[in-house]
N, C-alpha and C. Protein backbone atom coordinates (compact mmCIF):
# COMPACT_ATOMS: atom_id res chain seq x y z
N UNK A 1 -84.72 -66.01 124.38
CA UNK A 1 -84.25 -66.21 123.03
C UNK A 1 -84.11 -67.71 122.75
N UNK A 2 -84.63 -68.13 121.64
CA UNK A 2 -84.58 -69.55 121.26
C UNK A 2 -83.16 -69.96 120.86
N UNK A 3 -82.77 -71.14 121.30
CA UNK A 3 -81.45 -71.67 120.98
C UNK A 3 -81.58 -72.92 120.12
N UNK A 4 -80.53 -73.19 119.37
CA UNK A 4 -80.42 -74.46 118.65
C UNK A 4 -79.46 -75.33 119.44
N UNK A 5 -79.99 -76.46 119.89
CA UNK A 5 -79.21 -77.38 120.70
C UNK A 5 -78.98 -78.66 119.91
N UNK A 6 -77.73 -79.02 119.78
CA UNK A 6 -77.38 -80.31 119.18
C UNK A 6 -77.20 -81.26 120.35
N UNK A 7 -78.01 -82.31 120.39
CA UNK A 7 -77.95 -83.30 121.47
C UNK A 7 -77.27 -84.55 120.95
N UNK A 8 -76.07 -84.80 121.43
CA UNK A 8 -75.35 -86.02 121.09
C UNK A 8 -75.70 -87.11 122.09
N UNK A 9 -76.05 -88.27 121.59
CA UNK A 9 -76.46 -89.38 122.44
C UNK A 9 -75.53 -90.55 122.16
N UNK A 10 -74.86 -91.02 123.21
CA UNK A 10 -73.93 -92.14 123.06
C UNK A 10 -74.49 -93.38 123.75
N UNK A 11 -73.81 -94.48 123.55
CA UNK A 11 -74.30 -95.77 124.04
C UNK A 11 -74.29 -95.85 125.56
N UNK A 12 -75.38 -96.33 126.10
CA UNK A 12 -75.52 -96.53 127.53
C UNK A 12 -76.99 -96.55 127.87
N UNK A 13 -77.33 -97.21 128.95
CA UNK A 13 -78.72 -97.34 129.34
C UNK A 13 -79.36 -95.98 129.59
N UNK A 14 -78.57 -94.98 129.99
CA UNK A 14 -79.11 -93.64 130.24
C UNK A 14 -79.59 -92.94 128.97
N UNK A 15 -79.38 -93.53 127.82
CA UNK A 15 -79.83 -92.92 126.56
C UNK A 15 -81.33 -92.66 126.57
N UNK A 16 -82.09 -93.47 127.30
CA UNK A 16 -83.54 -93.25 127.33
C UNK A 16 -83.89 -91.90 127.94
N UNK A 17 -83.02 -91.35 128.78
CA UNK A 17 -83.28 -90.06 129.40
C UNK A 17 -83.18 -88.91 128.41
N UNK A 18 -82.60 -89.17 127.25
CA UNK A 18 -82.52 -88.12 126.23
C UNK A 18 -83.91 -87.67 125.80
N UNK A 19 -84.90 -88.55 125.89
CA UNK A 19 -86.27 -88.18 125.53
C UNK A 19 -86.78 -87.07 126.45
N UNK A 20 -86.52 -87.17 127.74
CA UNK A 20 -86.92 -86.14 128.69
C UNK A 20 -86.17 -84.84 128.46
N UNK A 21 -84.91 -84.95 128.09
CA UNK A 21 -84.10 -83.75 127.81
C UNK A 21 -84.68 -83.02 126.60
N UNK A 22 -84.98 -83.77 125.55
CA UNK A 22 -85.56 -83.15 124.34
C UNK A 22 -86.87 -82.47 124.68
N UNK A 23 -87.75 -83.16 125.39
CA UNK A 23 -89.07 -82.60 125.75
C UNK A 23 -88.91 -81.28 126.51
N UNK A 24 -87.96 -81.24 127.44
CA UNK A 24 -87.75 -80.02 128.24
C UNK A 24 -87.30 -78.85 127.36
N UNK A 25 -86.38 -79.10 126.45
CA UNK A 25 -85.91 -78.03 125.56
C UNK A 25 -87.02 -77.57 124.61
N UNK A 26 -87.73 -78.50 124.01
CA UNK A 26 -88.80 -78.14 123.08
C UNK A 26 -89.90 -77.37 123.80
N UNK A 27 -90.26 -77.82 124.99
CA UNK A 27 -91.29 -77.13 125.78
C UNK A 27 -90.87 -75.69 126.09
N UNK A 28 -89.58 -75.47 126.26
CA UNK A 28 -89.06 -74.13 126.54
C UNK A 28 -88.86 -73.30 125.27
N UNK A 29 -89.20 -73.87 124.11
CA UNK A 29 -89.15 -73.12 122.86
C UNK A 29 -87.85 -73.22 122.08
N UNK A 30 -87.03 -74.19 122.40
CA UNK A 30 -85.74 -74.34 121.72
C UNK A 30 -85.82 -75.43 120.66
N UNK A 31 -84.94 -75.34 119.68
CA UNK A 31 -84.84 -76.34 118.62
C UNK A 31 -83.78 -77.37 119.02
N UNK A 32 -84.10 -78.65 118.83
CA UNK A 32 -83.17 -79.71 119.17
C UNK A 32 -82.94 -80.58 117.94
N UNK A 33 -81.67 -80.80 117.63
CA UNK A 33 -81.30 -81.76 116.60
C UNK A 33 -80.41 -82.79 117.27
N UNK A 34 -80.71 -84.05 117.02
CA UNK A 34 -79.99 -85.14 117.68
C UNK A 34 -78.96 -85.77 116.76
N UNK A 35 -77.83 -86.10 117.35
CA UNK A 35 -76.83 -86.94 116.70
C UNK A 35 -76.76 -88.21 117.53
N UNK A 36 -77.05 -89.31 116.91
CA UNK A 36 -77.10 -90.61 117.57
C UNK A 36 -75.90 -91.43 117.11
N UNK A 37 -75.05 -91.84 118.05
CA UNK A 37 -73.92 -92.69 117.66
C UNK A 37 -74.43 -94.08 117.27
N UNK A 38 -73.62 -94.78 116.53
CA UNK A 38 -74.01 -96.12 116.06
C UNK A 38 -74.40 -97.04 117.21
N UNK A 39 -73.60 -97.06 118.26
CA UNK A 39 -73.88 -97.95 119.38
C UNK A 39 -75.06 -97.47 120.23
N UNK A 40 -75.35 -96.18 120.20
CA UNK A 40 -76.51 -95.67 120.96
C UNK A 40 -77.82 -96.22 120.39
N UNK A 41 -77.81 -96.58 119.12
CA UNK A 41 -79.02 -97.12 118.49
C UNK A 41 -79.46 -98.44 119.13
N UNK A 42 -78.59 -99.07 119.90
CA UNK A 42 -78.97 -100.28 120.62
C UNK A 42 -79.84 -99.95 121.83
N UNK A 43 -79.83 -98.68 122.25
CA UNK A 43 -80.54 -98.27 123.47
C UNK A 43 -81.77 -97.40 123.21
N UNK A 44 -81.80 -96.69 122.09
CA UNK A 44 -82.92 -95.80 121.78
C UNK A 44 -83.06 -95.69 120.27
N UNK A 45 -84.29 -95.51 119.81
CA UNK A 45 -84.51 -95.50 118.36
C UNK A 45 -84.50 -94.08 117.80
N UNK A 46 -84.06 -93.94 116.58
CA UNK A 46 -84.13 -92.64 115.91
C UNK A 46 -85.57 -92.12 115.82
N UNK A 47 -86.53 -93.01 115.62
CA UNK A 47 -87.92 -92.57 115.50
C UNK A 47 -88.40 -91.87 116.77
N UNK A 48 -88.05 -92.37 117.94
CA UNK A 48 -88.44 -91.71 119.19
C UNK A 48 -87.87 -90.30 119.26
N UNK A 49 -86.61 -90.16 118.92
CA UNK A 49 -85.94 -88.86 118.99
C UNK A 49 -86.50 -87.89 117.95
N UNK A 50 -86.75 -88.39 116.76
CA UNK A 50 -87.31 -87.57 115.69
C UNK A 50 -88.71 -87.08 116.06
N UNK A 51 -89.51 -87.96 116.62
CA UNK A 51 -90.87 -87.60 117.00
C UNK A 51 -90.87 -86.51 118.06
N UNK A 52 -90.02 -86.63 119.07
CA UNK A 52 -89.98 -85.64 120.14
C UNK A 52 -89.34 -84.31 119.73
N UNK A 53 -88.32 -84.37 118.89
CA UNK A 53 -87.62 -83.15 118.48
C UNK A 53 -88.25 -82.49 117.26
N UNK A 54 -89.02 -83.25 116.51
CA UNK A 54 -89.61 -82.78 115.25
C UNK A 54 -88.52 -82.39 114.25
N UNK A 55 -87.39 -83.06 114.35
CA UNK A 55 -86.27 -82.85 113.44
C UNK A 55 -85.67 -84.19 113.05
N UNK A 56 -85.00 -84.19 111.90
CA UNK A 56 -84.29 -85.39 111.45
C UNK A 56 -83.23 -85.76 112.48
N UNK A 57 -83.05 -87.05 112.71
CA UNK A 57 -81.98 -87.53 113.57
C UNK A 57 -80.77 -87.84 112.71
N UNK A 58 -79.64 -87.30 113.09
CA UNK A 58 -78.41 -87.47 112.32
C UNK A 58 -77.64 -88.66 112.89
N UNK A 59 -77.19 -89.56 112.00
CA UNK A 59 -76.55 -90.79 112.48
C UNK A 59 -75.19 -91.04 111.85
N UNK A 60 -74.92 -90.43 110.74
CA UNK A 60 -73.66 -90.71 110.04
C UNK A 60 -73.25 -89.51 109.22
N UNK A 61 -71.96 -89.35 109.05
CA UNK A 61 -71.48 -88.29 108.16
C UNK A 61 -71.83 -88.61 106.72
N UNK A 62 -72.23 -89.84 106.47
CA UNK A 62 -72.47 -90.28 105.10
C UNK A 62 -73.92 -90.67 104.85
N UNK A 63 -74.87 -90.13 105.67
CA UNK A 63 -76.29 -90.38 105.44
C UNK A 63 -76.69 -89.85 104.07
N UNK A 64 -77.58 -90.57 103.42
CA UNK A 64 -78.17 -90.06 102.18
C UNK A 64 -79.18 -89.00 102.58
N UNK A 65 -79.11 -87.86 101.93
CA UNK A 65 -80.01 -86.76 102.28
C UNK A 65 -80.35 -85.95 101.04
N UNK A 66 -81.36 -85.13 101.20
CA UNK A 66 -81.83 -84.31 100.08
C UNK A 66 -80.88 -83.14 99.80
N UNK A 67 -80.41 -82.49 100.86
CA UNK A 67 -79.49 -81.38 100.64
C UNK A 67 -78.06 -81.92 100.62
N UNK A 68 -77.17 -81.11 100.11
CA UNK A 68 -75.81 -81.61 99.90
C UNK A 68 -74.78 -80.81 100.70
N UNK A 69 -75.20 -80.39 101.89
CA UNK A 69 -74.25 -79.70 102.76
C UNK A 69 -73.36 -80.73 103.45
N UNK A 70 -72.34 -80.26 104.05
CA UNK A 70 -71.44 -81.13 104.82
C UNK A 70 -72.00 -81.16 106.24
N UNK A 71 -72.59 -82.29 106.62
CA UNK A 71 -73.41 -82.38 107.82
C UNK A 71 -72.70 -81.90 109.07
N UNK A 72 -71.49 -82.39 109.34
CA UNK A 72 -70.84 -82.00 110.59
C UNK A 72 -70.51 -80.51 110.63
N UNK A 73 -70.25 -79.93 109.49
CA UNK A 73 -69.96 -78.49 109.45
C UNK A 73 -71.24 -77.69 109.63
N UNK A 74 -72.31 -78.07 108.93
CA UNK A 74 -73.56 -77.32 109.05
C UNK A 74 -74.13 -77.42 110.46
N UNK A 75 -74.06 -78.60 111.08
CA UNK A 75 -74.53 -78.74 112.46
C UNK A 75 -73.67 -77.91 113.42
N UNK A 76 -72.37 -77.94 113.22
CA UNK A 76 -71.45 -77.18 114.08
C UNK A 76 -71.73 -75.69 114.00
N UNK A 77 -72.03 -75.18 112.80
CA UNK A 77 -72.29 -73.76 112.62
C UNK A 77 -73.62 -73.32 113.21
N UNK A 78 -74.63 -74.18 113.13
CA UNK A 78 -75.96 -73.76 113.61
C UNK A 78 -76.12 -73.92 115.12
N UNK A 79 -75.23 -74.66 115.77
CA UNK A 79 -75.39 -74.95 117.20
C UNK A 79 -75.08 -73.74 118.07
N UNK A 80 -75.98 -73.48 119.01
CA UNK A 80 -75.67 -72.56 120.10
C UNK A 80 -75.03 -73.34 121.23
N UNK A 81 -75.49 -74.58 121.38
CA UNK A 81 -74.98 -75.48 122.42
C UNK A 81 -74.88 -76.88 121.83
N UNK A 82 -73.78 -77.57 122.13
CA UNK A 82 -73.70 -79.00 121.84
C UNK A 82 -73.65 -79.69 123.20
N UNK A 83 -74.64 -80.52 123.42
CA UNK A 83 -74.82 -81.22 124.68
C UNK A 83 -74.69 -82.71 124.40
N UNK A 84 -73.81 -83.39 125.10
CA UNK A 84 -73.68 -84.84 124.95
C UNK A 84 -74.18 -85.47 126.24
N UNK A 85 -75.35 -86.15 126.11
CA UNK A 85 -75.99 -86.75 127.28
C UNK A 85 -76.79 -87.98 126.84
N UNK A 86 -76.40 -89.14 127.22
CA UNK A 86 -75.26 -89.45 128.06
C UNK A 86 -73.95 -89.46 127.25
N UNK A 87 -72.88 -89.16 127.95
CA UNK A 87 -71.55 -89.21 127.34
C UNK A 87 -70.82 -90.44 127.89
N UNK A 88 -70.49 -91.36 127.03
CA UNK A 88 -69.77 -92.58 127.42
C UNK A 88 -68.29 -92.29 127.65
N UNK A 89 -67.61 -93.20 128.32
CA UNK A 89 -66.16 -93.08 128.50
C UNK A 89 -65.46 -93.02 127.14
N UNK A 90 -65.99 -93.75 126.17
CA UNK A 90 -65.42 -93.78 124.83
C UNK A 90 -65.46 -92.40 124.17
N UNK A 91 -66.60 -91.73 124.20
CA UNK A 91 -66.71 -90.43 123.55
C UNK A 91 -65.87 -89.39 124.27
N UNK A 92 -65.81 -89.49 125.59
CA UNK A 92 -64.99 -88.56 126.38
C UNK A 92 -63.52 -88.73 125.99
N UNK A 93 -63.06 -89.98 125.86
CA UNK A 93 -61.67 -90.24 125.47
C UNK A 93 -61.38 -89.74 124.06
N UNK A 94 -62.31 -89.99 123.13
CA UNK A 94 -62.10 -89.51 121.76
C UNK A 94 -61.97 -88.00 121.71
N UNK A 95 -62.88 -87.30 122.38
CA UNK A 95 -62.84 -85.84 122.36
C UNK A 95 -61.57 -85.31 123.02
N UNK A 96 -61.14 -85.93 124.11
CA UNK A 96 -59.92 -85.49 124.79
C UNK A 96 -58.70 -85.64 123.90
N UNK A 97 -58.74 -86.63 123.01
CA UNK A 97 -57.60 -86.87 122.11
C UNK A 97 -57.77 -86.20 120.74
N UNK A 98 -58.89 -85.53 120.53
CA UNK A 98 -59.13 -84.87 119.25
C UNK A 98 -59.49 -85.82 118.13
N UNK A 99 -59.99 -86.98 118.44
CA UNK A 99 -60.38 -87.95 117.42
C UNK A 99 -61.75 -87.55 116.88
N UNK A 100 -61.86 -87.50 115.55
CA UNK A 100 -63.10 -87.11 114.88
C UNK A 100 -63.48 -88.17 113.86
N UNK A 101 -63.79 -89.37 114.35
CA UNK A 101 -64.04 -90.48 113.43
C UNK A 101 -65.52 -90.82 113.25
N UNK A 102 -66.40 -89.97 113.74
CA UNK A 102 -67.83 -90.16 113.52
C UNK A 102 -68.49 -88.78 113.48
N UNK A 103 -69.79 -88.75 113.22
CA UNK A 103 -70.48 -87.48 113.07
C UNK A 103 -70.43 -86.64 114.35
N UNK A 104 -70.64 -87.26 115.49
CA UNK A 104 -70.66 -86.50 116.75
C UNK A 104 -69.30 -85.87 117.06
N UNK A 105 -68.25 -86.65 117.01
CA UNK A 105 -66.93 -86.10 117.35
C UNK A 105 -66.49 -85.06 116.33
N UNK A 106 -66.78 -85.29 115.06
CA UNK A 106 -66.42 -84.31 114.02
C UNK A 106 -67.19 -83.00 114.22
N UNK A 107 -68.46 -83.10 114.59
CA UNK A 107 -69.26 -81.90 114.82
C UNK A 107 -68.71 -81.11 116.00
N UNK A 108 -68.38 -81.78 117.08
CA UNK A 108 -67.83 -81.09 118.25
C UNK A 108 -66.52 -80.40 117.88
N UNK A 109 -65.64 -81.09 117.20
CA UNK A 109 -64.35 -80.49 116.86
C UNK A 109 -64.49 -79.32 115.89
N UNK A 110 -65.55 -79.30 115.08
CA UNK A 110 -65.75 -78.24 114.11
C UNK A 110 -66.52 -77.05 114.68
N UNK A 111 -66.98 -77.16 115.91
CA UNK A 111 -67.88 -76.14 116.45
C UNK A 111 -67.18 -75.16 117.39
N UNK A 112 -67.71 -73.95 117.41
CA UNK A 112 -67.28 -72.93 118.37
C UNK A 112 -68.37 -72.71 119.42
N UNK A 113 -69.38 -73.58 119.42
CA UNK A 113 -70.49 -73.47 120.37
C UNK A 113 -70.06 -73.90 121.77
N UNK A 114 -70.90 -73.60 122.73
CA UNK A 114 -70.72 -74.08 124.09
C UNK A 114 -70.88 -75.60 124.07
N UNK A 115 -69.93 -76.32 124.67
CA UNK A 115 -69.95 -77.79 124.69
C UNK A 115 -70.18 -78.24 126.13
N UNK A 116 -71.18 -79.10 126.31
CA UNK A 116 -71.49 -79.62 127.64
C UNK A 116 -71.47 -81.14 127.58
N UNK A 117 -70.73 -81.74 128.48
CA UNK A 117 -70.56 -83.19 128.54
C UNK A 117 -71.22 -83.70 129.82
N UNK A 118 -72.11 -84.68 129.67
CA UNK A 118 -72.82 -85.27 130.81
C UNK A 118 -72.50 -86.75 130.87
N UNK A 119 -71.45 -87.11 131.62
CA UNK A 119 -71.02 -88.51 131.68
C UNK A 119 -72.06 -89.42 132.34
N UNK A 120 -72.10 -90.65 131.87
CA UNK A 120 -72.91 -91.70 132.49
C UNK A 120 -72.25 -93.03 132.15
N UNK A 121 -71.89 -93.76 133.20
CA UNK A 121 -71.21 -95.05 133.00
C UNK A 121 -71.07 -95.74 134.35
N UNK A 122 -70.56 -96.94 134.34
CA UNK A 122 -70.29 -97.67 135.57
C UNK A 122 -69.29 -96.87 136.41
N UNK A 123 -69.45 -96.95 137.73
CA UNK A 123 -68.59 -96.15 138.61
C UNK A 123 -67.11 -96.50 138.47
N UNK A 124 -66.78 -97.75 138.21
CA UNK A 124 -65.37 -98.12 138.02
C UNK A 124 -64.80 -97.41 136.79
N UNK A 125 -65.59 -97.31 135.74
CA UNK A 125 -65.14 -96.59 134.54
C UNK A 125 -65.05 -95.10 134.82
N UNK A 126 -66.03 -94.57 135.51
CA UNK A 126 -66.09 -93.13 135.82
C UNK A 126 -64.89 -92.71 136.67
N UNK A 127 -64.50 -93.56 137.61
CA UNK A 127 -63.42 -93.24 138.53
C UNK A 127 -62.05 -93.69 138.05
N UNK A 128 -61.99 -94.30 136.87
CA UNK A 128 -60.70 -94.74 136.32
C UNK A 128 -59.82 -93.52 136.03
N UNK A 129 -58.55 -93.65 136.27
CA UNK A 129 -57.62 -92.53 136.08
C UNK A 129 -57.67 -91.97 134.66
N UNK A 130 -57.86 -92.82 133.68
CA UNK A 130 -57.91 -92.34 132.29
C UNK A 130 -59.14 -91.46 132.06
N UNK A 131 -60.28 -91.87 132.59
CA UNK A 131 -61.50 -91.08 132.42
C UNK A 131 -61.38 -89.75 133.16
N UNK A 132 -60.85 -89.79 134.36
CA UNK A 132 -60.66 -88.55 135.12
C UNK A 132 -59.73 -87.61 134.35
N UNK A 133 -58.64 -88.13 133.83
CA UNK A 133 -57.69 -87.30 133.06
C UNK A 133 -58.36 -86.75 131.81
N UNK A 134 -59.13 -87.58 131.12
CA UNK A 134 -59.81 -87.12 129.90
C UNK A 134 -60.82 -86.02 130.20
N UNK A 135 -61.56 -86.16 131.29
CA UNK A 135 -62.52 -85.10 131.65
C UNK A 135 -61.79 -83.81 132.02
N UNK A 136 -60.66 -83.94 132.70
CA UNK A 136 -59.87 -82.75 133.04
C UNK A 136 -59.37 -82.07 131.77
N UNK A 137 -58.96 -82.86 130.80
CA UNK A 137 -58.53 -82.30 129.52
C UNK A 137 -59.66 -81.53 128.85
N UNK A 138 -60.87 -82.09 128.88
CA UNK A 138 -62.02 -81.41 128.28
C UNK A 138 -62.32 -80.10 129.00
N UNK A 139 -62.18 -80.09 130.31
CA UNK A 139 -62.37 -78.85 131.07
C UNK A 139 -61.34 -77.81 130.63
N UNK A 140 -60.09 -78.25 130.43
CA UNK A 140 -59.04 -77.35 129.96
C UNK A 140 -59.35 -76.80 128.57
N UNK A 141 -60.06 -77.57 127.75
CA UNK A 141 -60.49 -77.11 126.42
C UNK A 141 -61.63 -76.10 126.51
N UNK A 142 -62.22 -75.96 127.69
CA UNK A 142 -63.33 -75.04 127.87
C UNK A 142 -64.70 -75.71 127.87
N UNK A 143 -64.73 -77.03 127.85
CA UNK A 143 -66.00 -77.75 127.91
C UNK A 143 -66.51 -77.75 129.35
N UNK A 144 -67.81 -77.80 129.49
CA UNK A 144 -68.45 -77.90 130.80
C UNK A 144 -68.79 -79.36 131.05
N UNK A 145 -68.41 -79.87 132.21
CA UNK A 145 -68.76 -81.24 132.62
C UNK A 145 -69.87 -81.14 133.66
N UNK A 146 -70.98 -81.81 133.41
CA UNK A 146 -72.05 -81.91 134.39
C UNK A 146 -71.83 -83.25 135.09
N UNK A 147 -71.33 -83.18 136.31
CA UNK A 147 -70.93 -84.37 137.05
C UNK A 147 -72.04 -85.41 137.15
N UNK A 148 -71.65 -86.66 137.07
CA UNK A 148 -72.58 -87.76 137.27
C UNK A 148 -73.00 -87.81 138.73
N UNK A 149 -74.15 -88.42 138.97
CA UNK A 149 -74.68 -88.57 140.32
C UNK A 149 -74.29 -89.92 140.89
N UNK A 150 -74.37 -90.00 142.20
CA UNK A 150 -74.14 -91.27 142.89
C UNK A 150 -75.49 -91.95 143.08
N UNK A 151 -75.49 -93.27 142.96
CA UNK A 151 -76.72 -94.02 143.17
C UNK A 151 -76.58 -95.42 142.62
N UNK A 152 -77.70 -96.12 142.55
CA UNK A 152 -77.70 -97.46 141.98
C UNK A 152 -77.58 -97.36 140.46
N UNK A 153 -76.69 -98.14 139.91
CA UNK A 153 -76.43 -98.15 138.47
C UNK A 153 -77.19 -99.29 137.81
N UNK A 154 -77.26 -99.29 136.50
CA UNK A 154 -77.99 -100.31 135.77
C UNK A 154 -77.49 -101.72 136.07
N UNK A 155 -76.20 -101.84 136.33
CA UNK A 155 -75.59 -103.14 136.62
C UNK A 155 -75.81 -103.58 138.07
N UNK A 156 -76.56 -102.78 138.82
CA UNK A 156 -76.87 -103.01 140.24
C UNK A 156 -75.74 -102.62 141.18
N UNK A 157 -74.62 -102.13 140.66
CA UNK A 157 -73.58 -101.55 141.51
C UNK A 157 -74.11 -100.24 142.08
N UNK A 158 -73.50 -99.78 143.14
CA UNK A 158 -73.84 -98.49 143.73
C UNK A 158 -72.59 -97.63 143.66
N UNK A 159 -72.72 -96.44 143.12
CA UNK A 159 -71.57 -95.55 143.04
C UNK A 159 -71.86 -94.36 142.15
N UNK A 160 -70.84 -93.58 141.87
CA UNK A 160 -70.96 -92.40 141.02
C UNK A 160 -70.89 -92.84 139.56
N UNK A 161 -71.85 -92.40 138.78
CA UNK A 161 -71.87 -92.76 137.37
C UNK A 161 -73.23 -92.57 136.72
N UNK A 162 -74.26 -92.29 137.54
CA UNK A 162 -75.60 -92.05 137.01
C UNK A 162 -75.65 -90.69 136.30
N UNK A 163 -76.35 -90.63 135.20
CA UNK A 163 -76.53 -89.37 134.49
C UNK A 163 -77.16 -88.35 135.43
N UNK A 164 -76.67 -87.12 135.38
CA UNK A 164 -77.25 -86.03 136.18
C UNK A 164 -78.74 -85.90 135.86
N UNK A 165 -79.47 -85.24 136.72
CA UNK A 165 -80.91 -85.08 136.52
C UNK A 165 -81.18 -84.25 135.25
N UNK A 166 -82.31 -84.52 134.64
CA UNK A 166 -82.71 -83.79 133.44
C UNK A 166 -82.77 -82.29 133.74
N UNK A 167 -83.33 -81.92 134.87
CA UNK A 167 -83.43 -80.49 135.22
C UNK A 167 -82.06 -79.83 135.29
N UNK A 168 -81.11 -80.51 135.91
CA UNK A 168 -79.75 -79.95 136.03
C UNK A 168 -79.09 -79.83 134.65
N UNK A 169 -79.25 -80.85 133.82
CA UNK A 169 -78.66 -80.83 132.47
C UNK A 169 -79.23 -79.67 131.67
N UNK A 170 -80.54 -79.54 131.66
CA UNK A 170 -81.20 -78.48 130.89
C UNK A 170 -80.77 -77.11 131.42
N UNK A 171 -80.73 -76.97 132.73
CA UNK A 171 -80.32 -75.70 133.33
C UNK A 171 -78.90 -75.32 132.90
N UNK A 172 -77.98 -76.26 132.94
CA UNK A 172 -76.58 -75.98 132.54
C UNK A 172 -76.50 -75.58 131.07
N UNK A 173 -77.30 -76.23 130.24
CA UNK A 173 -77.26 -75.92 128.81
C UNK A 173 -77.79 -74.54 128.49
N UNK A 174 -78.71 -74.06 129.30
CA UNK A 174 -79.35 -72.77 129.01
C UNK A 174 -78.71 -71.60 129.74
N UNK A 175 -77.67 -71.84 130.53
CA UNK A 175 -76.97 -70.73 131.21
C UNK A 175 -76.29 -69.82 130.23
């Protein structure tokens, strides 16, 4: 059965891996709509995501559009799965605190869909007590956390913080 997957992409070098995630879902027959945070646009372009998903990329609650629906509500209602990959420490903290100050956080808070968070960040940030507590809070809310992998990070540090493999992310989303 085909699913509608909302892919939230936050700022971080791992944002480029969202292209592989989209390709895997589309190849499997699923529909993907992307929400790109403002800072994520420094790492990946809306055109790349739109081309791969064959859908409009959503970037703001206040985008000019042809239809006049309330974007975060319509996306929340159509989602079977909301997947955030990569998920920055910032987005994890906002969701743990119930902050809905952008399109992605508002969509998550308005949705009853399965929510999957795939953290990716420097290992010091990943292992910080605040991030650990925030992820635990999200688990208590019923969100699924796909643990980051250990390895060399973009900053050349070695530790836990690499985005999980595309195969693992896609598998978790389709369970």
